[in-house]
Amino acid sequence: MLQILSKKCRRDIVEMIYNAGSGHIGGALSSIDIYIAVLNNMGEDDRLVVSHGHTSAALYSALGNMGYFDINDAIENFRRNAPYEGHPSLQVNGVEWCSGSLGQGLSVGVGFALAKTLQKEPGRVFVVMGDGEQQKGQLQEAREFAVKYHLTNLVAIVDYNNLQACGTVDKTTEQNLADKYKMSGWDVVTVDGHNFEALQNAFKSTEKPLCILAKTMMGKGIPEIENDWHYHGTVISKELSQKYINEFSISKEEEKLLQNIQKPNRLTYEVPVVPVAAGRTYTETSDIRSAMGNALADIAKKHPEVPIAAFDCDLEGSVKLTDFKKLRPEAFIECGIAEHNAATAAAAVAKSGMMAVHADFSMFNIAETYSQNRMADINKAPLKLFSTHAGLDVGEDGKTHQSVDYISLLSNFYGFRVIVPADANQADGAVHYAMSVPYPVAVIGGRSKMPILTDAEGNALTFTYGKGQWLRRGGQATIITYGNMAHRAVKASDELKAEGIEVGVLNCPTPCDLDVDAISDAAKTGLIVTYEDHNVKTGISGEVARILCGTSCQLKALGVHQYGASTSPENLYKEQGIDVESLKNTIKINLK
């Protein structure tokens, strides 16, 4: 039966790629028997992750022929019309994670498997990968994580054809895949990846994470291209395509037999949220990161029914996860200094019926893990980033740790909401908001303690997404700011007022979704100064400029214009011309 299915799928693969005029025929023919074996073995509680997404033609052919959708739709629309994209699309029934960036799939698998373990769910997670991508360092992070957390419900299958885009795997970088997994603590089995009985026997449960090295042949079934790395991504000729479309055809009787192996039922997960509620009220100087950690612990304590996992990368004390760890030790996930795996695994947990927080320095969980966060966004994972130590405020740690590009990086994502609170009260509200919505949110703060602020009416700061707050009112100019610089802007405004200069301060804690009405109101003063602890070229000034188009308002942008040195934040702000005195002087000069 499965041999018939294999033959039919090979026909569909050839026809898909022929119709599209592009595709990865070699890897698709290499991996198709693995997909068939895995899908045939899976129960309703199991999950599938495809890491080497360029084999999508094989995945679509297996899923379509097993009843997940009409295979003819995929044959007709592959690489030409949605949803049958060149790499697996979430819109395709049976696809649980879009893939394309190689080396991340195993981290997705450990995230799925960890979520099952934490929630005591049955079932296994199968991850199908290429052998070439085993060169990626993130895979080692994932291998060690899987062993640490005893993910015996995890099965990795490597499509081991020893070929990649530019030649053999062995010659590209010498590696012993069996040793890589064994030395990390996995059970390893080597089988013929085109033998269904051997594959089925290899799926047995073990007391460790299981790696199956499935020996396959690139281009399997088409002798003219078998074991030829050139056909990793090269399309075969029209004549050869037509030849094998005919040779791989099956009879009507065989088509009827295939109806007996259809398996269209799969797991679905809802995104948990908590209702927005009043949190703590701070009256004394506090750092944003402590307020973020306190709010997370408060939510975990108040809502024991909501599954939450917090991912740490050896920075528990610095990112203030200790209280959460005490409340839910089993859900405190220590990843070690392995940020790439942590980012992807956390995103996968967030796609598994749990809340997932990745707390880290902003340089590490925004800048360093940009690709991983981008894949989380593409996969609509409602990940929560708690990003601390942002901006020049890190001070003495120096330029390598001074994250001054977090807004520009996160603004590239279409799903993320970005919040940079101005004080601890606003940070508390921001965290409560983040945990109340079913999409990804980044809450970002510096390292230093900051004063507690009030709005222009003397009220403690609250948080509403997309809304700014007037911290001071003034008719001659307006400072638009957020985060680390808000209290400095207030100080400048107060000191200028003593000199007879009335300057407003508008705090915009959602820099990627600015308050257009408030900024338009601010423009009536005739002078706006954007003031931020961020790269001045990629911060809020550009968006403010777009809002001001068509007005006569003057705009001056103050921000970070070069990498910072290793010194105190106050010295850095002075060196960069964004200390309080420089802000005041800029306003005075431009008012003249």
Protein backbone atom coordinates (compact mmCIF):
# COMPACT_ATOMS: atom_id res chain seq x y z
CA MET A 1 0.00 0.00 0.00
CA LEU A 2 2.66 2.52 0.99
CA GLN A 3 4.68 1.59 -2.07
CA ILE A 4 1.72 2.55 -4.23
CA LEU A 5 1.42 5.82 -2.35
CA SER A 6 5.13 6.46 -2.82
CA LYS A 7 4.81 5.99 -6.55
CA LYS A 8 1.78 8.31 -6.75
CA CYS A 9 3.52 10.97 -4.68
CA ARG A 10 6.58 10.85 -6.94
CA ARG A 11 4.36 11.49 -9.92
CA ASP A 12 2.78 14.46 -8.18
CA ILE A 13 6.17 15.86 -7.18
CA VAL A 14 7.42 15.77 -10.77
CA GLU A 15 4.23 17.33 -12.08
CA MET A 16 4.18 20.06 -9.41
CA ILE A 17 7.72 21.15 -10.17
CA TYR A 18 7.22 20.86 -13.93
CA ASN A 19 4.10 23.05 -13.80
CA ALA A 20 5.80 25.60 -11.56
CA GLY A 21 9.02 25.70 -13.54
CA SER A 22 10.95 25.70 -10.26
CA GLY A 23 11.44 23.62 -7.16
CA HIS A 24 13.79 21.23 -5.38
CA ILE A 25 13.18 17.92 -7.07
CA GLY A 26 16.23 16.09 -5.71
CA GLY A 27 15.43 16.57 -2.03
CA ALA A 28 11.70 16.06 -2.57
CA LEU A 29 12.28 12.63 -4.12
CA SER A 30 14.82 11.85 -1.41
CA SER A 31 12.49 12.64 1.49
CA ILE A 32 9.07 11.56 0.22
CA ASP A 33 9.24 8.07 1.74
CA ILE A 34 10.14 9.58 5.12
CA TYR A 35 7.08 11.85 5.00
CA ILE A 36 4.83 8.96 4.05
CA ALA A 37 6.19 6.76 6.84
CA VAL A 38 5.92 9.49 9.47
CA LEU A 39 2.40 10.57 8.51
CA ASN A 40 1.24 6.95 8.34
CA ASN A 41 2.65 6.35 11.82
CA MET A 42 1.23 9.49 13.43
CA GLY A 43 -1.82 9.52 15.67
CA GLU A 44 -4.12 12.44 16.42
CA ASP A 45 -1.96 13.53 19.37
CA ASP A 46 1.26 13.64 17.35
CA ARG A 47 2.82 16.68 15.67
CA LEU A 48 5.02 17.09 12.60
CA VAL A 49 7.73 19.70 12.03
CA VAL A 50 9.46 20.03 8.67
CA SER A 51 12.81 21.77 8.92
CA HIS A 52 14.21 21.50 5.37
CA GLY A 53 11.27 23.35 3.87
CA HIS A 54 12.63 23.28 0.32
CA THR A 55 11.22 19.72 0.14
CA SER A 56 7.69 21.18 0.26
CA ALA A 57 6.64 19.41 -2.95
CA ALA A 58 7.14 16.10 -1.15
CA LEU A 59 5.30 17.28 1.94
CA TYR A 60 2.35 18.57 -0.11
CA SER A 61 2.16 15.36 -2.13
CA ALA A 62 2.12 13.21 1.01
CA LEU A 63 -0.44 15.36 2.82
CA GLY A 64 -2.67 15.73 -0.22
CA ASN A 65 -2.71 12.05 -1.01
CA MET A 66 -3.49 11.24 2.63
CA GLY A 67 -6.65 13.36 2.66
CA TYR A 68 -5.57 16.69 4.15
CA PHE A 69 -6.60 18.58 1.00
CA ASP A 70 -7.21 17.99 -2.70
CA ILE A 71 -3.84 17.03 -4.13
CA ASN A 72 -4.84 18.43 -7.51
CA ASP A 73 -4.94 21.92 -6.00
CA ALA A 74 -1.31 21.58 -4.99
CA ILE A 75 -0.30 20.15 -8.36
CA GLU A 76 -1.93 23.05 -10.16
CA ASN A 77 -0.86 25.88 -7.83
CA PHE A 78 2.52 24.85 -6.42
CA ARG A 79 4.82 27.89 -6.27
CA ARG A 80 2.31 29.90 -8.31
CA ASN A 81 -0.68 30.63 -6.11
CA ALA A 82 -1.38 30.58 -2.38
CA PRO A 83 -1.31 28.59 -0.26
CA TYR A 84 1.09 26.13 -1.90
CA GLU A 85 4.23 28.19 -1.53
CA GLY A 86 7.78 27.10 -2.29
CA HIS A 87 8.33 26.46 1.43
CA PRO A 88 5.57 25.06 3.67
CA SER A 89 2.76 27.52 4.37
CA LEU A 90 0.60 27.60 7.48
CA GLN A 91 -2.42 27.97 5.23
CA VAL A 92 -1.96 24.37 4.08
CA ASN A 93 -3.86 21.87 6.21
CA GLY A 94 -1.37 19.64 8.02
CA VAL A 95 1.43 22.22 8.14
CA GLU A 96 2.09 23.38 11.70
CA TRP A 97 5.17 25.53 11.15
CA CYS A 98 6.43 27.45 8.12
CA SER A 99 10.06 26.60 7.53
CA GLY A 100 12.82 27.92 5.35
CA SER A 101 15.63 29.10 7.59
CA LEU A 102 17.54 25.87 7.99
CA GLY A 103 18.69 24.70 11.39
CA GLN A 104 15.66 25.93 13.32
CA GLY A 105 13.32 22.95 12.93
CA LEU A 106 14.70 20.88 15.79
CA SER A 107 14.23 23.85 18.14
CA VAL A 108 10.61 24.02 17.02
CA GLY A 109 10.34 20.33 17.78
CA VAL A 110 11.78 20.68 21.26
CA GLY A 111 9.35 23.53 21.90
CA PHE A 112 6.39 21.41 20.81
CA ALA A 113 7.67 18.44 22.82
CA LEU A 114 8.35 20.56 25.91
CA ALA A 115 4.82 21.98 25.78
CA LYS A 116 3.42 18.44 25.69
CA THR A 117 5.58 17.50 28.67
CA LEU A 118 4.61 20.56 30.72
CA GLN A 119 0.92 20.07 29.99
CA LYS A 120 1.10 16.28 30.37
CA GLU A 121 -0.27 15.76 26.87
CA PRO A 122 0.05 12.43 25.06
CA GLY A 123 1.67 12.06 21.69
CA ARG A 124 5.05 12.52 20.04
CA VAL A 125 6.70 15.21 17.96
CA PHE A 126 8.38 14.22 14.69
CA VAL A 127 10.97 16.55 13.16
CA VAL A 128 12.15 15.86 9.60
CA MET A 129 15.44 17.55 8.68
CA GLY A 130 18.09 17.56 6.00
CA ASP A 131 21.61 16.31 6.62
CA GLY A 132 23.28 19.47 5.31
CA GLU A 133 21.56 21.67 7.86
CA GLN A 134 23.11 19.63 10.67
CA GLN A 135 26.10 21.95 10.20
CA LYS A 136 24.12 24.70 11.97
CA GLY A 137 25.10 25.51 15.54
CA GLN A 138 21.52 25.98 16.73
CA LEU A 139 20.99 22.26 16.31
CA GLN A 140 23.57 21.53 18.99
CA GLU A 141 21.75 23.88 21.35
CA ALA A 142 18.52 22.01 20.61
CA ARG A 143 20.09 18.56 21.02
CA GLU A 144 21.39 19.39 24.49
CA PHE A 145 18.11 21.07 25.49
CA ALA A 146 16.14 17.96 24.49
CA VAL A 147 18.26 15.77 26.74
CA LYS A 148 18.20 18.19 29.67
CA TYR A 149 14.40 18.26 29.65
CA HIS A 150 14.04 14.51 29.03
CA LEU A 151 12.03 14.95 25.83
CA THR A 152 11.48 11.26 25.18
CA ASN A 153 8.46 12.28 23.11
CA LEU A 154 10.76 13.79 20.46
CA VAL A 155 11.82 11.96 17.27
CA ALA A 156 14.22 13.55 14.80
CA ILE A 157 14.49 12.02 11.33
CA VAL A 158 17.40 13.12 9.14
CA ASP A 159 17.03 12.81 5.37
CA TYR A 160 20.58 11.47 5.03
CA ASN A 161 21.41 11.57 1.32
CA ASN A 162 24.88 13.11 1.90
CA LEU A 163 24.24 15.87 -0.65
CA GLN A 164 23.54 19.57 -0.33
CA ALA A 165 23.28 22.52 -2.70
CA CYS A 166 26.94 22.68 -3.73
CA GLY A 167 28.23 19.14 -3.33
CA THR A 168 28.51 16.34 -0.82
CA VAL A 169 27.89 16.96 2.86
CA ASP A 170 31.10 15.17 3.84
CA LYS A 171 33.26 17.40 1.66
CA THR A 172 31.46 20.60 2.61
CA THR A 173 32.14 20.10 6.32
CA GLU A 174 33.22 16.76 7.68
CA GLN A 175 30.79 15.60 10.35
CA ASN A 176 29.67 12.40 12.00
CA LEU A 177 25.95 12.80 12.53
CA ALA A 178 25.57 9.68 14.65
CA ASP A 179 28.26 10.87 17.05
CA LYS A 180 26.77 14.37 17.24
CA TYR A 181 23.50 12.97 18.57
CA LYS A 182 24.98 10.16 20.66
CA MET A 183 27.43 12.48 22.42
CA SER A 184 24.53 14.79 23.25
CA GLY A 185 22.67 11.92 24.90
CA TRP A 186 20.27 10.79 22.17
CA ASP A 187 19.44 7.29 21.00
CA VAL A 188 20.46 6.92 17.35
CA VAL A 189 19.22 4.45 14.76
CA THR A 190 20.40 4.22 11.15
CA VAL A 191 17.95 2.79 8.59
CA ASP A 192 17.20 2.65 4.90
CA GLY A 193 15.09 5.77 4.37
CA HIS A 194 13.24 4.21 1.44
CA ASN A 195 12.25 1.04 3.35
CA PHE A 196 8.89 1.53 5.03
CA GLU A 197 9.22 -1.49 7.29
CA ALA A 198 12.63 -0.34 8.52
CA LEU A 199 11.32 3.16 9.15
CA GLN A 200 8.28 1.85 10.99
CA ASN A 201 10.45 -0.31 13.24
CA ALA A 202 12.70 2.67 13.99
CA PHE A 203 9.78 4.69 15.39
CA LYS A 204 9.73 2.64 18.60
CA SER A 205 9.60 4.59 21.84
CA THR A 206 12.85 5.05 23.76
CA GLU A 207 13.94 6.44 27.09
CA LYS A 208 15.84 9.25 25.37
CA PRO A 209 15.16 11.62 22.48
CA LEU A 210 15.43 9.54 19.33
CA CYS A 211 17.35 10.36 16.15
CA ILE A 212 16.73 8.29 13.04
CA LEU A 213 19.38 8.65 10.37
CA ALA A 214 17.41 7.67 7.26
CA LYS A 215 19.86 6.82 4.48
CA THR A 216 18.28 8.08 1.25
CA MET A 217 19.17 8.92 -2.34
CA MET A 218 18.71 12.37 -3.85
CA GLY A 219 16.45 12.13 -6.90
CA LYS A 220 15.33 8.63 -5.93
CA GLY A 221 13.22 7.03 -8.68
CA ILE A 222 14.68 8.99 -11.61
CA PRO A 223 17.95 7.24 -12.51
CA GLU A 224 19.05 10.12 -14.74
CA ILE A 225 19.40 12.43 -11.71
CA GLU A 226 19.91 10.03 -8.80
CA ASN A 227 22.70 10.94 -6.39
CA ASP A 228 23.50 14.13 -8.34
CA TRP A 229 23.79 17.23 -6.17
CA HIS A 230 23.17 19.49 -9.16
CA TYR A 231 19.48 18.54 -8.85
CA HIS A 232 19.15 19.96 -5.38
CA GLY A 233 17.38 22.90 -6.99
CA THR A 234 17.66 22.34 -10.75
CA VAL A 235 14.51 21.57 -12.73
CA ILE A 236 14.62 18.54 -14.99
CA SER A 237 13.80 18.83 -18.69
CA LYS A 238 10.31 18.78 -20.16
CA GLU A 239 11.00 15.43 -21.80
CA LEU A 240 12.26 13.84 -18.59
CA SER A 241 9.36 15.27 -16.62
CA GLN A 242 6.81 13.87 -19.02
CA LYS A 243 8.57 10.49 -19.05
CA TYR A 244 8.29 10.08 -15.28
CA ILE A 245 4.84 11.58 -14.96
CA ASN A 246 3.82 8.65 -17.13
CA GLU A 247 6.02 6.06 -15.42
CA PHE A 248 4.87 7.05 -11.91
CA SER A 249 1.17 6.88 -12.84
CA ILE A 250 -0.99 4.39 -10.97
CA SER A 251 -4.13 2.48 -11.93
CA LYS A 252 -7.70 3.26 -10.89
CA GLU A 253 -7.67 0.18 -8.66
CA GLU A 254 -4.53 1.42 -6.92
CA GLU A 255 -6.10 4.86 -6.45
CA LYS A 256 -9.01 3.23 -4.62
CA LEU A 257 -6.61 1.40 -2.31
CA LEU A 258 -5.02 4.70 -1.28
CA GLN A 259 -8.31 5.90 0.18
CA ASN A 260 -7.80 3.46 3.06
CA ILE A 261 -4.80 5.34 4.45
CA GLN A 262 -6.23 8.85 4.67
CA LYS A 263 -5.52 10.51 8.06
CA PRO A 264 -6.95 14.06 8.11
CA ASN A 265 -7.39 14.64 11.88
CA ARG A 266 -4.83 16.82 13.67
CA LEU A 267 -4.44 18.71 16.93
CA THR A 268 -5.57 22.31 17.29
CA TYR A 269 -4.50 24.75 20.00
CA GLU A 270 -6.11 27.86 21.41
CA VAL A 271 -4.00 30.82 22.52
CA PRO A 272 -4.44 31.41 26.28
CA VAL A 273 -4.79 34.98 27.53
CA VAL A 274 -5.51 36.62 30.86
CA PRO A 275 -7.91 39.51 31.38
CA VAL A 276 -6.35 42.93 31.82
CA ALA A 277 -6.45 43.85 35.50
CA ALA A 278 -5.04 46.50 37.77
CA GLY A 279 -1.52 45.67 38.86
CA ARG A 280 0.92 47.19 41.30
CA THR A 281 1.30 50.89 41.97
CA TYR A 282 4.86 52.13 42.31
CA THR A 283 5.66 55.31 44.21
CA GLU A 284 9.43 55.02 44.51
CA THR A 285 12.23 54.85 41.96
CA SER A 286 12.37 51.46 40.24
CA ASP A 287 13.87 49.82 37.18
CA ILE A 288 11.62 48.67 34.35
CA ARG A 289 12.95 45.11 34.42
CA SER A 290 11.93 44.63 38.06
CA ALA A 291 8.43 45.87 37.28
CA MET A 292 8.24 43.44 34.34
CA GLY A 293 9.35 40.52 36.51
CA ASN A 294 6.95 41.47 39.29
CA ALA A 295 4.03 41.71 36.88
CA LEU A 296 4.78 38.28 35.39
CA ALA A 297 4.94 36.73 38.86
CA ASP A 298 1.70 38.48 39.86
CA ILE A 299 -0.09 37.12 36.80
CA ALA A 300 1.25 33.61 37.41
CA LYS A 301 0.05 33.74 41.01
CA LYS A 302 -3.37 35.21 40.21
CA HIS A 303 -4.04 32.87 37.30
CA PRO A 304 -2.77 29.39 38.23
CA GLU A 305 -5.07 27.93 35.58
CA VAL A 306 -3.18 29.64 32.75
CA PRO A 307 -0.13 27.70 31.51
CA ILE A 308 2.91 29.97 31.31
CA ALA A 309 6.52 29.09 30.50
CA ALA A 310 9.36 31.57 31.03
CA PHE A 311 12.58 31.02 29.07
CA ASP A 312 15.87 32.23 30.52
CA CYS A 313 19.41 32.24 29.10
CA ASP A 314 21.55 32.25 32.23
CA LEU A 315 20.33 35.73 33.24
CA GLU A 316 17.61 34.91 35.77
CA GLY A 317 18.60 37.59 38.29
CA SER A 318 19.30 40.28 35.71
CA VAL A 319 15.98 39.83 33.91
CA LYS A 320 14.08 39.40 37.19
CA LEU A 321 12.57 35.95 36.71
CA THR A 322 13.37 34.70 40.22
CA ASP A 323 9.89 35.28 41.67
CA PHE A 324 8.26 33.48 38.73
CA LYS A 325 10.71 30.62 39.19
CA LYS A 326 9.71 30.26 42.84
CA LEU A 327 6.02 30.17 41.92
CA ARG A 328 6.32 27.80 38.97
CA PRO A 329 9.69 26.05 39.07
CA GLU A 330 8.63 23.44 36.51
CA ALA A 331 7.76 26.20 34.02
CA PHE A 332 11.00 28.11 34.46
CA ILE A 333 12.97 26.96 31.44
CA GLU A 334 16.71 27.48 31.79
CA CYS A 335 18.25 27.28 28.33
CA GLY A 336 21.78 28.29 29.20
CA ILE A 337 23.76 30.56 26.91
CA ALA A 338 21.90 29.28 23.86
CA GLU A 339 19.71 32.16 22.73
CA HIS A 340 18.88 30.88 19.24
CA ASN A 341 17.33 27.66 20.48
CA ALA A 342 15.60 29.51 23.32
CA ALA A 343 14.00 31.99 20.93
CA THR A 344 12.65 29.33 18.58
CA ALA A 345 11.60 26.89 21.31
CA ALA A 346 9.76 29.65 23.16
CA ALA A 347 7.92 30.58 19.97
CA ALA A 348 6.96 26.93 19.44
CA VAL A 349 5.65 26.67 23.01
CA ALA A 350 3.57 29.78 22.30
CA LYS A 351 1.99 27.84 19.41
CA SER A 352 1.09 24.96 21.72
CA GLY A 353 -1.66 26.25 23.97
CA MET A 354 0.68 27.96 26.42
CA MET A 355 1.93 31.47 27.09
CA ALA A 356 5.65 31.75 26.46
CA VAL A 357 7.94 34.53 27.67
CA HIS A 358 11.52 34.85 26.47
CA ALA A 359 13.27 37.19 28.91
CA ASP A 360 16.75 38.37 27.97
CA PHE A 361 18.91 41.40 27.31
CA SER A 362 17.51 43.20 24.27
CA MET A 363 20.82 42.73 22.46
CA PHE A 364 20.31 38.98 22.74
CA ASN A 365 16.58 38.34 22.33
CA ILE A 366 16.03 41.02 19.68
CA ALA A 367 19.28 41.71 17.80
CA GLU A 368 21.03 38.34 18.08
CA THR A 369 17.89 36.31 17.44
CA TYR A 370 16.42 38.44 14.66
CA SER A 371 15.98 35.50 12.26
CA GLN A 372 14.36 33.33 14.93
CA ASN A 373 11.92 36.11 15.87
CA ARG A 374 11.13 36.71 12.22
CA MET A 375 10.19 33.05 11.81
CA ALA A 376 8.06 33.31 14.96
CA ASP A 377 6.26 36.27 13.42
CA ILE A 378 5.72 34.47 10.12
CA ASN A 379 4.32 31.51 12.05
CA LYS A 380 1.97 33.75 14.04
CA ALA A 381 3.45 32.59 17.34
CA PRO A 382 2.14 34.84 20.15
CA LEU A 383 5.56 35.02 21.79
CA LYS A 384 6.20 37.56 24.55
CA LEU A 385 9.64 39.16 24.58
CA PHE A 386 10.71 40.77 27.84
CA SER A 387 13.78 42.68 26.66
CA THR A 388 15.93 44.42 29.24
CA HIS A 389 19.17 46.44 29.23
CA ALA A 390 18.16 48.45 26.18
CA GLY A 391 19.96 51.50 24.86
CA LEU A 392 23.04 53.38 26.06
CA ASP A 393 21.58 52.93 29.53
CA VAL A 394 23.67 49.73 29.76
CA GLY A 395 26.60 52.11 30.10
CA GLU A 396 29.84 50.48 31.14
CA ASP A 397 29.07 47.19 29.38
CA GLY A 398 30.03 49.00 26.19
CA LYS A 399 28.93 49.05 22.57
CA THR A 400 28.52 45.28 22.20
CA HIS A 401 25.73 45.33 24.78
CA GLN A 402 24.20 48.73 24.06
CA SER A 403 21.16 47.79 22.02
CA VAL A 404 20.25 50.95 20.12
CA ASP A 405 18.44 49.31 17.20
CA TYR A 406 15.57 47.41 18.81
CA ILE A 407 12.79 49.54 17.31
CA SER A 408 14.19 49.37 13.79
CA LEU A 409 14.56 45.59 14.02
CA LEU A 410 11.13 44.86 15.47
CA SER A 411 9.42 47.36 13.16
CA ASN A 412 10.23 45.00 10.27
CA PHE A 413 7.80 42.43 11.65
CA TYR A 414 4.14 42.67 10.70
CA GLY A 415 2.71 40.94 13.77
CA PHE A 416 4.72 42.22 16.75
CA ARG A 417 3.52 44.98 19.04
CA VAL A 418 6.34 46.93 20.65
CA ILE A 419 6.13 48.68 24.03
CA VAL A 420 8.83 50.79 25.68
CA PRO A 421 7.44 51.97 29.05
CA ALA A 422 8.52 55.25 30.67
CA ASP A 423 8.40 54.06 34.28
CA ALA A 424 7.57 51.07 36.48
CA ASN A 425 3.83 51.77 36.59
CA GLN A 426 3.63 51.85 32.83
CA ALA A 427 5.77 48.70 32.63
CA ASP A 428 3.32 46.90 34.91
CA GLY A 429 0.44 47.90 32.66
CA ALA A 430 2.41 46.92 29.56
CA VAL A 431 3.05 43.38 30.85
CA HIS A 432 -0.59 42.91 31.81
CA TYR A 433 -1.55 44.06 28.32
CA ALA A 434 0.99 41.75 26.66
CA MET A 435 -0.41 38.72 28.45
CA SER A 436 -3.98 39.65 27.53
CA VAL A 437 -3.62 39.58 23.74
CA PRO A 438 -3.18 36.60 21.37
CA TYR A 439 -0.28 37.96 19.34
CA PRO A 440 3.43 38.63 19.81
CA VAL A 441 4.45 41.54 22.04
CA ALA A 442 7.86 42.92 23.00
CA VAL A 443 8.15 44.90 26.26
CA ILE A 444 11.48 46.71 26.38
CA GLY A 445 13.30 48.56 29.17
CA GLY A 446 16.73 49.71 30.26
CA ARG A 447 18.85 48.59 33.18
CA SER A 448 18.88 51.65 35.47
CA LYS A 449 16.34 52.67 38.04
CA MET A 450 14.15 55.55 36.92
CA PRO A 451 11.85 58.02 38.70
CA ILE A 452 8.14 57.40 38.91
CA LEU A 453 6.38 59.82 36.58
CA THR A 454 2.97 61.44 36.50
CA ASP A 455 1.04 62.84 33.58
CA ALA A 456 0.28 66.52 33.10
CA GLU A 457 -2.67 66.21 35.49
CA GLY A 458 -0.62 64.57 38.21
CA ASN A 459 -1.89 61.01 37.70
CA ALA A 460 0.27 57.88 37.75
CA LEU A 461 1.09 56.56 34.28
CA THR A 462 -1.11 53.85 32.84
CA PHE A 463 -0.88 51.99 29.55
CA THR A 464 -3.17 51.84 26.53
CA TYR A 465 -1.72 50.45 23.34
CA GLY A 466 -1.22 53.11 20.68
CA LYS A 467 -1.91 56.01 23.02
CA GLY A 468 0.53 58.64 24.22
CA GLN A 469 0.42 60.57 27.47
CA TRP A 470 1.12 64.25 28.00
CA LEU A 471 3.66 64.38 30.82
CA ARG A 472 3.88 68.17 30.53
CA ARG A 473 1.96 70.75 28.56
CA GLY A 474 3.59 73.68 26.80
CA GLY A 475 2.74 75.91 23.88
CA GLN A 476 6.18 76.75 22.48
CA ALA A 477 7.58 73.29 21.65
CA THR A 478 6.99 69.60 22.27
CA ILE A 479 9.43 66.82 23.16
CA ILE A 480 8.27 63.43 21.88
CA THR A 481 9.98 60.63 23.78
CA TYR A 482 9.65 57.20 25.42
CA GLY A 483 11.44 54.76 27.69
CA ASN A 484 14.76 55.72 29.24
CA MET A 485 14.54 59.35 28.13
CA ALA A 486 11.06 60.27 29.37
CA HIS A 487 12.12 61.38 32.85
CA ARG A 488 14.99 63.39 31.34
CA ALA A 489 12.56 65.12 29.01
CA VAL A 490 10.37 66.00 32.00
CA LYS A 491 13.39 67.42 33.81
CA ALA A 492 14.31 69.54 30.79
CA SER A 493 10.73 70.78 30.50
CA ASP A 494 10.59 71.75 34.17
CA GLU A 495 13.93 73.58 34.00
CA LEU A 496 12.94 75.41 30.83
CA LYS A 497 9.68 76.44 32.44
CA ALA A 498 11.69 78.08 35.22
CA GLU A 499 13.35 80.11 32.47
CA GLY A 500 10.00 81.12 31.01
CA ILE A 501 9.95 78.60 28.14
CA GLU A 502 6.83 76.40 27.95
CA VAL A 503 7.68 72.99 26.49
CA GLY A 504 5.35 70.01 26.38
CA VAL A 505 6.45 66.40 26.82
CA LEU A 506 4.54 63.69 24.96
CA ASN A 507 5.40 60.11 26.00
CA CYS A 508 4.81 57.58 23.21
CA PRO A 509 5.38 54.08 24.71
CA THR A 510 4.37 52.29 21.48
CA PRO A 511 7.03 53.57 19.07
CA CYS A 512 5.97 51.32 16.19
CA ASP A 513 2.35 52.50 16.47
CA LEU A 514 2.53 56.18 17.36
CA ASP A 515 -0.41 58.24 18.60
CA VAL A 516 -1.15 60.24 15.44
CA ASP A 517 -3.76 62.49 17.04
CA ALA A 518 -1.48 63.44 19.94
CA ILE A 519 1.44 64.13 17.58
CA SER A 520 -0.79 66.25 15.36
CA ASP A 521 -1.77 68.20 18.47
CA ALA A 522 1.89 68.56 19.40
CA ALA A 523 2.63 69.98 15.95
CA LYS A 524 0.54 73.04 16.76
CA THR A 525 3.45 74.33 18.86
CA GLY A 526 5.53 74.71 15.70
CA LEU A 527 8.55 72.78 17.02
CA ILE A 528 8.86 69.07 17.81
CA VAL A 529 12.03 67.46 19.14
CA THR A 530 12.15 63.65 19.08
CA TYR A 531 14.31 62.45 21.95
CA GLU A 532 15.36 58.82 22.24
CA ASP A 533 18.00 56.39 23.47
CA HIS A 534 18.08 54.73 20.06
CA ASN A 535 19.83 55.02 16.71
CA VAL A 536 18.60 58.43 15.56
CA LYS A 537 18.36 57.25 11.93
CA THR A 538 16.01 54.37 12.66
CA GLY A 539 14.03 55.46 15.71
CA ILE A 540 10.76 57.37 15.85
CA SER A 541 11.82 60.54 14.06
CA GLY A 542 11.11 59.15 10.59
CA GLU A 543 7.56 58.14 11.48
CA VAL A 544 6.96 61.45 13.24
CA ALA A 545 8.19 63.21 10.08
CA ARG A 546 5.64 61.30 8.00
CA ILE A 547 2.88 62.36 10.37
CA LEU A 548 4.04 65.99 10.12
CA CYS A 549 4.05 66.04 6.32
CA GLY A 550 1.89 68.94 5.12
CA THR A 551 2.29 70.92 8.33
CA SER A 552 4.57 73.87 9.02
CA CYS A 553 5.98 72.29 12.17
CA GLN A 554 9.75 72.14 12.52
CA LEU A 555 11.27 68.77 13.52
CA LYS A 556 14.59 68.14 15.23
CA ALA A 557 15.75 64.58 15.94
CA LEU A 558 17.96 63.78 18.93
CA GLY A 559 19.23 60.26 19.43
CA VAL A 560 22.24 57.98 19.28
CA HIS A 561 24.46 58.80 16.28
CA GLN A 562 27.37 56.39 16.85
CA TYR A 563 28.32 53.32 18.89
CA GLY A 564 28.80 54.19 22.53
CA ALA A 565 31.91 53.88 24.67
CA SER A 566 32.31 52.01 27.95
CA THR A 567 31.34 54.59 30.55
CA SER A 568 28.35 55.63 32.62
CA PRO A 569 24.99 56.28 30.94
CA GLU A 570 25.15 59.97 31.87
CA ASN A 571 28.56 60.34 30.24
CA LEU A 572 27.31 58.53 27.16
CA TYR A 573 24.25 60.74 26.85
CA LYS A 574 26.46 63.82 27.12
CA GLU A 575 28.90 62.48 24.51
CA GLN A 576 26.02 61.79 22.12
CA GLY A 577 24.35 65.14 22.72
CA ILE A 578 21.24 63.70 24.31
CA ASP A 579 21.71 64.69 27.95
CA VAL A 580 19.29 67.13 29.56
CA GLU A 581 21.46 70.19 28.87
CA SER A 582 21.86 69.30 25.20
CA LEU A 583 18.09 68.82 24.91
CA LYS A 584 17.45 72.22 26.47
CA ASN A 585 20.00 73.91 24.22
CA THR A 586 18.48 72.32 21.11
CA ILE A 587 15.07 73.68 22.03
CA LYS A 588 16.40 77.16 22.79
CA ILE A 589 18.38 77.38 19.54
CA ASN A 590 15.47 76.25 17.41
CA LEU A 591 12.98 78.53 19.15
CA LYS A 592 15.18 81.48 18.20
